[in-house]
């Protein structure tokens, strides 16, 4: 807690430098929220106080991860279909070559990332399904997710946290790239900034722009609110 400044028995509150330091620490917490909350299960598994509890935590993590990977595969497959179908829109014949180049770059990249996410999720899902039948499955998973320090403490493997975030991360990037290409598509279709823009073009641009703003706000608000709230929970912070 920040120390308080005192002069003549009057409390002036935290100093400006202390306030800036606390603000910086808060921003740092927000930046690492996704990562820190992702490694919490590894910490809990590695530091379980009994073998029975550890085994239960591992089984719960495998079940949860399998559901997440299934969602990635389904969503990635649907998104890939949407991307491929987008190129059949006849309205593209009216697009300028420059706009089409930008859209193709974004959407082709989105398709590649989407299919990669599906492939990674499929491989990881098969890996988990096969590992369940391996002898000493629980011990193998502990060694996979954690390592023992020279002091005898169990720490999460950072590379494993990254690996298990790959599928969902690639899918989110794919969504972002497709969304970016769609914004360029609407921008050029409604002739924003051009003299020959009609009233109908302005109406479409206005409503779509409002929808884009609302979607982006809701998306980031929900993500930041959930993960930052989980990271700030005293129960999460107690896990070392």
C-alpha atoms as a PDB file:
ATOM      1  CA  UNK A   1       0.000   0.000   0.000  1.00  0.00           C
ATOM      2  CA  UNK A   2       1.287   3.458  -0.866  1.00  0.00           C
ATOM      3  CA  UNK A   3       2.702   5.452   2.007  1.00  0.00           C
ATOM      4  CA  UNK A   4       0.872   8.665   2.887  1.00  0.00           C
ATOM      5  CA  UNK A   5       2.455  12.075   2.966  1.00  0.00           C
ATOM      6  CA  UNK A   6       1.953  13.961   6.232  1.00  0.00           C
ATOM      7  CA  UNK A   7       2.597  17.623   7.095  1.00  0.00           C
ATOM      8  CA  UNK A   8       1.491  19.145  10.356  1.00  0.00           C
ATOM      9  CA  UNK A   9      -0.823  16.235  11.079  1.00  0.00           C
ATOM     10  CA  UNK A  10      -2.622  16.689   7.735  1.00  0.00           C
ATOM     11  CA  UNK A  11      -2.797  13.710   5.379  1.00  0.00           C
ATOM     12  CA  UNK A  12      -2.268  14.724   1.765  1.00  0.00           C
ATOM     13  CA  UNK A  13      -2.717  11.163   0.351  1.00  0.00           C
ATOM     14  CA  UNK A  14      -0.312   9.315  -1.929  1.00  0.00           C
ATOM     15  CA  UNK A  15       2.421  11.293  -3.635  1.00  0.00           C
ATOM     16  CA  UNK A  16       2.191  11.796  -7.437  1.00  0.00           C
ATOM     17  CA  UNK A  17       5.155   9.483  -8.019  1.00  0.00           C
ATOM     18  CA  UNK A  18       3.536   6.743  -5.944  1.00  0.00           C
ATOM     19  CA  UNK A  19       0.271   7.164  -7.844  1.00  0.00           C
ATOM     20  CA  UNK A  20       2.114   6.835 -11.159  1.00  0.00           C
ATOM     21  CA  UNK A  21       3.906   3.729  -9.926  1.00  0.00           C
ATOM     22  CA  UNK A  22       0.629   2.092  -8.887  1.00  0.00           C
ATOM     23  CA  UNK A  23      -0.950   3.020 -12.229  1.00  0.00           C
ATOM     24  CA  UNK A  24       1.991   1.486 -14.088  1.00  0.00           C
ATOM     25  CA  UNK A  25       1.687  -1.696 -12.066  1.00  0.00           C
ATOM     26  CA  UNK A  26      -2.028  -1.839 -12.876  1.00  0.00           C
ATOM     27  CA  UNK A  27      -1.354  -1.482 -16.605  1.00  0.00           C
ATOM     28  CA  UNK A  28       1.294  -4.191 -16.402  1.00  0.00           C
ATOM     29  CA  UNK A  29      -1.189  -6.506 -14.684  1.00  0.00           C
ATOM     30  CA  UNK A  30      -3.712  -5.901 -17.439  1.00  0.00           C
ATOM     31  CA  UNK A  31      -1.171  -6.627 -20.189  1.00  0.00           C
ATOM     32  CA  UNK A  32      -0.213  -9.959 -18.621  1.00  0.00           C
ATOM     33  CA  UNK A  33      -3.727 -10.955 -17.556  1.00  0.00           C
ATOM     34  CA  UNK A  34      -4.290 -13.432 -20.356  1.00  0.00           C
ATOM     35  CA  UNK A  35      -0.940 -15.108 -19.823  1.00  0.00           C
ATOM     36  CA  UNK A  36      -1.026 -15.230 -16.031  1.00  0.00           C
ATOM     37  CA  UNK A  37      -4.525 -16.678 -15.834  1.00  0.00           C
ATOM     38  CA  UNK A  38      -3.538 -19.286 -18.421  1.00  0.00           C
ATOM     39  CA  UNK A  39      -0.634 -20.608 -16.326  1.00  0.00           C
ATOM     40  CA  UNK A  40      -2.633 -20.694 -13.078  1.00  0.00           C
ATOM     41  CA  UNK A  41      -3.932 -24.251 -13.758  1.00  0.00           C
ATOM     42  CA  UNK A  42      -0.344 -25.437 -14.226  1.00  0.00           C
ATOM     43  CA  UNK A  43       0.658 -23.880 -10.911  1.00  0.00           C
ATOM     44  CA  UNK A  44      -2.276 -25.484  -9.132  1.00  0.00           C
ATOM     45  CA  UNK A  45      -1.548 -28.907 -10.622  1.00  0.00           C
ATOM     46  CA  UNK A  46       2.139 -28.745  -9.782  1.00  0.00           C
ATOM     47  CA  UNK A  47       1.546 -27.644  -6.189  1.00  0.00           C
ATOM     48  CA  UNK A  48      -1.430 -29.862  -5.284  1.00  0.00           C
ATOM     49  CA  UNK A  49      -1.152 -31.058  -1.679  1.00  0.00           C
ATOM     50  CA  UNK A  50      -2.210 -34.631  -2.457  1.00  0.00           C
ATOM     51  CA  UNK A  51      -1.961 -37.076  -5.333  1.00  0.00           C
ATOM     52  CA  UNK A  52      -5.725 -37.534  -5.437  1.00  0.00           C
ATOM     53  CA  UNK A  53      -6.331 -33.806  -5.727  1.00  0.00           C
ATOM     54  CA  UNK A  54      -3.606 -33.498  -8.363  1.00  0.00           C
ATOM     55  CA  UNK A  55      -5.127 -36.280 -10.455  1.00  0.00           C
ATOM     56  CA  UNK A  56      -8.552 -34.677 -10.232  1.00  0.00           C
ATOM     57  CA  UNK A  57      -7.150 -31.320 -11.342  1.00  0.00           C
ATOM     58  CA  UNK A  58      -5.378 -32.910 -14.304  1.00  0.00           C
ATOM     59  CA  UNK A  59      -8.525 -34.692 -15.442  1.00  0.00           C
ATOM     60  CA  UNK A  60     -10.537 -31.476 -15.115  1.00  0.00           C
ATOM     61  CA  UNK A  61      -7.917 -29.561 -17.127  1.00  0.00           C
ATOM     62  CA  UNK A  62      -7.869 -32.190 -19.878  1.00  0.00           C
ATOM     63  CA  UNK A  63     -11.677 -32.148 -20.089  1.00  0.00           C
ATOM     64  CA  UNK A  64     -11.819 -28.362 -20.217  1.00  0.00           C
ATOM     65  CA  UNK A  65      -9.047 -28.148 -22.801  1.00  0.00           C
ATOM     66  CA  UNK A  66     -10.759 -30.778 -24.964  1.00  0.00           C
ATOM     67  CA  UNK A  67     -13.957 -28.695 -24.979  1.00  0.00           C
ATOM     68  CA  UNK A  68     -11.973 -25.576 -25.894  1.00  0.00           C
ATOM     69  CA  UNK A  69     -10.199 -27.346 -28.757  1.00  0.00           C
ATOM     70  CA  UNK A  70     -13.524 -28.666 -30.054  1.00  0.00           C
ATOM     71  CA  UNK A  71     -14.908 -25.124 -30.086  1.00  0.00           C
ATOM     72  CA  UNK A  72     -11.843 -23.921 -31.990  1.00  0.00           C
ATOM     73  CA  UNK A  73     -12.246 -26.654 -34.615  1.00  0.00           C
ATOM     74  CA  UNK A  74     -15.945 -25.935 -35.134  1.00  0.00           C
ATOM     75  CA  UNK A  75     -15.516 -22.146 -35.214  1.00  0.00           C
ATOM     76  CA  UNK A  76     -12.436 -22.352 -37.430  1.00  0.00           C
ATOM     77  CA  UNK A  77     -14.238 -24.578 -39.918  1.00  0.00           C
ATOM     78  CA  UNK A  78     -17.226 -22.225 -40.062  1.00  0.00           C
ATOM     79  CA  UNK A  79     -14.965 -19.192 -40.442  1.00  0.00           C
ATOM     80  CA  UNK A  80     -13.034 -20.861 -43.268  1.00  0.00           C
ATOM     81  CA  UNK A  81     -16.319 -21.462 -45.082  1.00  0.00           C
ATOM     82  CA  UNK A  82     -17.319 -17.828 -44.593  1.00  0.00           C
ATOM     83  CA  UNK A  83     -13.977 -16.605 -45.956  1.00  0.00           C
ATOM     84  CA  UNK A  84     -14.142 -18.816 -49.045  1.00  0.00           C
ATOM     85  CA  UNK A  85     -17.769 -17.843 -49.631  1.00  0.00           C
ATOM     86  CA  UNK A  86     -16.906 -14.144 -49.370  1.00  0.00           C
ATOM     87  CA  UNK A  87     -14.911 -14.300 -52.599  1.00  0.00           C
ATOM     88  CA  UNK A  88     -18.029 -15.335 -54.534  1.00  0.00           C
ATOM     89  CA  UNK A  89     -19.722 -11.978 -53.934  1.00  0.00           C
ATOM     90  CA  UNK A  90     -20.431 -10.493 -57.360  1.00  0.00           C
ATOM     91  CA  UNK A  91     -20.006  -6.980 -55.971  1.00  0.00           C
ATOM     92  CA  UNK A  92     -16.238  -7.506 -56.119  1.00  0.00           C
ATOM     93  CA  UNK A  93     -16.380  -6.743 -59.844  1.00  0.00           C
ATOM     94  CA  UNK A  94     -16.953  -3.085 -58.908  1.00  0.00           C
ATOM     95  CA  UNK A  95     -13.915  -2.896 -56.642  1.00  0.00           C
ATOM     96  CA  UNK A  96     -10.751  -1.022 -57.582  1.00  0.00           C
ATOM     97  CA  UNK A  97      -7.606  -3.163 -57.977  1.00  0.00           C
ATOM     98  CA  UNK A  98      -5.953  -1.524 -54.955  1.00  0.00           C
ATOM     99  CA  UNK A  99      -8.892  -2.303 -52.683  1.00  0.00           C
ATOM    100  CA  UNK A 100      -9.106  -5.870 -53.966  1.00  0.00           C
ATOM    101  CA  UNK A 101      -5.398  -6.360 -53.276  1.00  0.00           C
ATOM    102  CA  UNK A 102      -5.780  -5.274 -49.640  1.00  0.00           C
ATOM    103  CA  UNK A 103      -8.891  -7.404 -49.149  1.00  0.00           C
ATOM    104  CA  UNK A 104      -7.273 -10.468 -50.708  1.00  0.00           C
ATOM    105  CA  UNK A 105      -4.174 -10.098 -48.516  1.00  0.00           C
ATOM    106  CA  UNK A 106      -6.271  -9.882 -45.354  1.00  0.00           C
ATOM    107  CA  UNK A 107      -8.720 -12.638 -46.242  1.00  0.00           C
ATOM    108  CA  UNK A 108      -6.156 -15.092 -47.615  1.00  0.00           C
ATOM    109  CA  UNK A 109      -4.076 -14.582 -44.465  1.00  0.00           C
ATOM    110  CA  UNK A 110      -7.219 -15.064 -42.376  1.00  0.00           C
ATOM    111  CA  UNK A 111      -7.987 -18.331 -44.186  1.00  0.00           C
ATOM    112  CA  UNK A 112      -4.460 -19.647 -43.610  1.00  0.00           C
ATOM    113  CA  UNK A 113      -4.562 -18.820 -39.887  1.00  0.00           C
ATOM    114  CA  UNK A 114      -8.042 -20.296 -39.531  1.00  0.00           C
ATOM    115  CA  UNK A 115      -7.034 -23.603 -41.111  1.00  0.00           C
ATOM    116  CA  UNK A 116      -3.834 -23.636 -39.062  1.00  0.00           C
ATOM    117  CA  UNK A 117      -5.878 -23.141 -35.886  1.00  0.00           C
ATOM    118  CA  UNK A 118      -8.110 -26.068 -36.852  1.00  0.00           C
ATOM    119  CA  UNK A 119      -5.061 -28.235 -37.565  1.00  0.00           C
ATOM    120  CA  UNK A 120      -3.363 -27.347 -34.275  1.00  0.00           C
ATOM    121  CA  UNK A 121      -6.573 -27.919 -32.309  1.00  0.00           C
ATOM    122  CA  UNK A 122      -7.128 -31.270 -34.018  1.00  0.00           C
ATOM    123  CA  UNK A 123      -3.588 -32.437 -33.258  1.00  0.00           C
ATOM    124  CA  UNK A 124      -3.780 -31.340 -29.625  1.00  0.00           C
ATOM    125  CA  UNK A 125      -7.190 -32.969 -29.205  1.00  0.00           C
ATOM    126  CA  UNK A 126      -5.866 -36.272 -30.571  1.00  0.00           C
ATOM    127  CA  UNK A 127      -2.818 -35.963 -28.308  1.00  0.00           C
ATOM    128  CA  UNK A 128      -4.994 -35.611 -25.198  1.00  0.00           C
ATOM    129  CA  UNK A 129      -7.279 -38.461 -26.253  1.00  0.00           C
ATOM    130  CA  UNK A 130      -4.319 -40.806 -26.679  1.00  0.00           C
ATOM    131  CA  UNK A 131      -2.468 -39.678 -23.572  1.00  0.00           C
ATOM    132  CA  UNK A 132      -5.429 -40.625 -21.365  1.00  0.00           C
ATOM    133  CA  UNK A 133      -4.702 -44.293 -22.113  1.00  0.00           C
ATOM    134  CA  UNK A 134      -0.973 -44.050 -21.358  1.00  0.00           C
ATOM    135  CA  UNK A 135       0.206 -45.751 -18.134  1.00  0.00           C
ATOM    136  CA  UNK A 136       1.012 -43.223 -15.406  1.00  0.00           C
ATOM    137  CA  UNK A 137      -0.987 -40.655 -17.347  1.00  0.00           C
ATOM    138  CA  UNK A 138      -1.232 -38.218 -14.445  1.00  0.00           C
ATOM    139  CA  UNK A 139       2.509 -38.295 -13.728  1.00  0.00           C
ATOM    140  CA  UNK A 140       3.297 -37.769 -17.412  1.00  0.00           C
ATOM    141  CA  UNK A 141       0.995 -34.743 -17.557  1.00  0.00           C
ATOM    142  CA  UNK A 142       2.633 -33.230 -14.473  1.00  0.00           C
ATOM    143  CA  UNK A 143       6.050 -33.593 -16.129  1.00  0.00           C
ATOM    144  CA  UNK A 144       4.642 -32.106 -19.332  1.00  0.00           C
ATOM    145  CA  UNK A 145       3.068 -29.040 -17.735  1.00  0.00           C
ATOM    146  CA  UNK A 146       5.469 -28.375 -14.838  1.00  0.00           C
ATOM    147  CA  UNK A 147       9.113 -28.709 -13.866  1.00  0.00           C
ATOM    148  CA  UNK A 148      10.842 -28.995 -10.520  1.00  0.00           C
ATOM    149  CA  UNK A 149      13.281 -26.264  -9.513  1.00  0.00           C
ATOM    150  CA  UNK A 150      16.527 -26.967  -7.613  1.00  0.00           C
ATOM    151  CA  UNK A 151      14.679 -25.729  -4.513  1.00  0.00           C
ATOM    152  CA  UNK A 152      12.079 -28.472  -4.925  1.00  0.00           C
ATOM    153  CA  UNK A 153       9.261 -26.169  -6.091  1.00  0.00           C
ATOM    154  CA  UNK A 154       7.021 -27.018  -9.036  1.00  0.00           C
ATOM    155  CA  UNK A 155       6.854 -24.275 -11.662  1.00  0.00           C
ATOM    156  CA  UNK A 156       4.720 -24.125 -14.837  1.00  0.00           C
ATOM    157  CA  UNK A 157       6.469 -24.632 -18.159  1.00  0.00           C
ATOM    158  CA  UNK A 158       6.062 -21.367 -20.049  1.00  0.00           C
ATOM    159  CA  UNK A 159       6.408 -23.021 -23.456  1.00  0.00           C
ATOM    160  CA  UNK A 160       3.516 -25.359 -22.640  1.00  0.00           C
ATOM    161  CA  UNK A 161       1.294 -22.421 -21.716  1.00  0.00           C
ATOM    162  CA  UNK A 162       2.138 -20.893 -25.107  1.00  0.00           C
ATOM    163  CA  UNK A 163       1.498 -24.158 -26.973  1.00  0.00           C
ATOM    164  CA  UNK A 164      -1.955 -24.654 -25.478  1.00  0.00           C
ATOM    165  CA  UNK A 165      -2.893 -21.047 -26.302  1.00  0.00           C
ATOM    166  CA  UNK A 166      -1.845 -21.366 -29.954  1.00  0.00           C
ATOM    167  CA  UNK A 167      -5.117 -22.669 -31.380  1.00  0.00           C
ATOM    168  CA  UNK A 168      -7.368 -20.044 -29.812  1.00  0.00           C
ATOM    169  CA  UNK A 169      -4.797 -17.316 -30.518  1.00  0.00           C
ATOM    170  CA  UNK A 170      -4.564 -18.190 -34.214  1.00  0.00           C
ATOM    171  CA  UNK A 171      -8.343 -18.258 -34.476  1.00  0.00           C
ATOM    172  CA  UNK A 172      -8.651 -14.806 -32.897  1.00  0.00           C
ATOM    173  CA  UNK A 173      -6.052 -13.397 -35.310  1.00  0.00           C
ATOM    174  CA  UNK A 174      -7.960 -14.999 -38.179  1.00  0.00           C
ATOM    175  CA  UNK A 175     -11.186 -13.342 -37.034  1.00  0.00           C
ATOM    176  CA  UNK A 176      -9.413 -10.002 -36.752  1.00  0.00           C
ATOM    177  CA  UNK A 177      -7.942 -10.210 -40.256  1.00  0.00           C
ATOM    178  CA  UNK A 178     -11.267 -11.165 -41.825  1.00  0.00           C
ATOM    179  CA  UNK A 179     -12.972  -8.354 -39.956  1.00  0.00           C
ATOM    180  CA  UNK A 180     -10.300  -5.928 -41.187  1.00  0.00           C
ATOM    181  CA  UNK A 181     -10.847  -7.023 -44.782  1.00  0.00           C
ATOM    182  CA  UNK A 182     -14.594  -6.606 -44.359  1.00  0.00           C
ATOM    183  CA  UNK A 183     -14.105  -3.040 -43.112  1.00  0.00           C
ATOM    184  CA  UNK A 184     -12.015  -2.247 -46.216  1.00  0.00           C
ATOM    185  CA  UNK A 185     -14.718  -3.871 -48.346  1.00  0.00           C
ATOM    186  CA  UNK A 186     -17.473  -1.686 -46.845  1.00  0.00           C
ATOM    187  CA  UNK A 187     -15.235   1.405 -47.001  1.00  0.00           C
ATOM    188  CA  UNK A 188     -14.714   1.028 -50.738  1.00  0.00           C
ATOM    189  CA  UNK A 189     -18.218  -0.215 -51.499  1.00  0.00           C
ATOM    190  CA  UNK A 190     -19.879   2.816 -49.907  1.00  0.00           C
ATOM    191  CA  UNK A 191     -17.349   5.200 -51.497  1.00  0.00           C
ATOM    192  CA  UNK A 192     -16.394   6.881 -48.229  1.00  0.00           C
ATOM    193  CA  UNK A 193     -14.479  10.101 -48.917  1.00  0.00           C
ATOM    194  CA  UNK A 194     -15.443  10.147 -52.603  1.00  0.00           C
ATOM    195  CA  UNK A 195     -17.448  12.854 -54.353  1.00  0.00           C
ATOM    196  CA  UNK A 196     -19.815  10.428 -56.072  1.00  0.00           C
ATOM    197  CA  UNK A 197     -21.008   8.942 -52.761  1.00  0.00           C
ATOM    198  CA  UNK A 198     -24.811   8.716 -52.735  1.00  0.00           C
ATOM    199  CA  UNK A 199     -27.254   9.106 -49.858  1.00  0.00           C
ATOM    200  CA  UNK A 200     -27.733   5.344 -49.841  1.00  0.00           C
ATOM    201  CA  UNK A 201     -23.960   4.870 -49.549  1.00  0.00           C
ATOM    202  CA  UNK A 202     -23.832   7.246 -46.596  1.00  0.00           C
ATOM    203  CA  UNK A 203     -26.687   5.416 -44.862  1.00  0.00           C
ATOM    204  CA  UNK A 204     -25.002   2.041 -45.296  1.00  0.00           C
ATOM    205  CA  UNK A 205     -21.642   3.416 -44.159  1.00  0.00           C
ATOM    206  CA  UNK A 206     -23.204   5.034 -41.102  1.00  0.00           C
ATOM    207  CA  UNK A 207     -25.104   1.997 -39.870  1.00  0.00           C
ATOM    208  CA  UNK A 208     -22.263  -0.412 -40.617  1.00  0.00           C
ATOM    209  CA  UNK A 209     -19.786   1.927 -38.927  1.00  0.00           C
ATOM    210  CA  UNK A 210     -21.997   2.025 -35.845  1.00  0.00           C
ATOM    211  CA  UNK A 211     -22.237  -1.778 -35.856  1.00  0.00           C
ATOM    212  CA  UNK A 212     -18.454  -2.084 -36.203  1.00  0.00           C
ATOM    213  CA  UNK A 213     -17.858   0.305 -33.307  1.00  0.00           C
ATOM    214  CA  UNK A 214     -20.370  -1.462 -31.066  1.00  0.00           C
ATOM    215  CA  UNK A 215     -18.972  -4.892 -31.939  1.00  0.00           C
ATOM    216  CA  UNK A 216     -15.384  -3.843 -31.253  1.00  0.00           C
ATOM    217  CA  UNK A 217     -16.339  -2.173 -27.963  1.00  0.00           C
ATOM    218  CA  UNK A 218     -18.351  -5.158 -26.734  1.00  0.00           C
ATOM    219  CA  UNK A 219     -15.634  -7.609 -27.790  1.00  0.00           C
ATOM    220  CA  UNK A 220     -12.770  -5.863 -26.022  1.00  0.00           C
ATOM    221  CA  UNK A 221     -14.898  -4.868 -23.024  1.00  0.00           C
ATOM    222  CA  UNK A 222     -15.897  -8.488 -22.437  1.00  0.00           C
ATOM    223  CA  UNK A 223     -12.344  -9.798 -22.839  1.00  0.00           C
ATOM    224  CA  UNK A 224     -10.685  -7.208 -20.611  1.00  0.00           C
ATOM    225  CA  UNK A 225     -13.450  -7.384 -18.021  1.00  0.00           C
ATOM    226  CA  UNK A 226     -13.292 -11.156 -17.679  1.00  0.00           C
ATOM    227  CA  UNK A 227      -9.552 -11.742 -17.682  1.00  0.00           C
ATOM    228  CA  UNK A 228      -8.528  -8.657 -15.741  1.00  0.00           C
ATOM    229  CA  UNK A 229     -11.168  -9.433 -13.129  1.00  0.00           C
ATOM    230  CA  UNK A 230      -9.940 -13.010 -12.811  1.00  0.00           C
ATOM    231  CA  UNK A 231      -6.328 -11.881 -12.472  1.00  0.00           C
ATOM    232  CA  UNK A 232      -7.178  -9.320  -9.782  1.00  0.00           C
ATOM    233  CA  UNK A 233      -9.054 -11.871  -7.713  1.00  0.00           C
ATOM    234  CA  UNK A 234      -7.278 -12.384  -4.424  1.00  0.00           C
ATOM    235  CA  UNK A 235      -7.749 -16.134  -4.843  1.00  0.00           C
ATOM    236  CA  UNK A 236      -5.852 -16.040  -8.138  1.00  0.00           C
ATOM    237  CA  UNK A 237      -3.095 -13.825  -6.767  1.00  0.00           C
ATOM    238  CA  UNK A 238      -2.563 -16.155  -3.817  1.00  0.00           C
ATOM    239  CA  UNK A 239      -1.321 -18.892  -6.189  1.00  0.00           C
ATOM    240  CA  UNK A 240       2.444 -18.560  -6.360  1.00  0.00           C
END
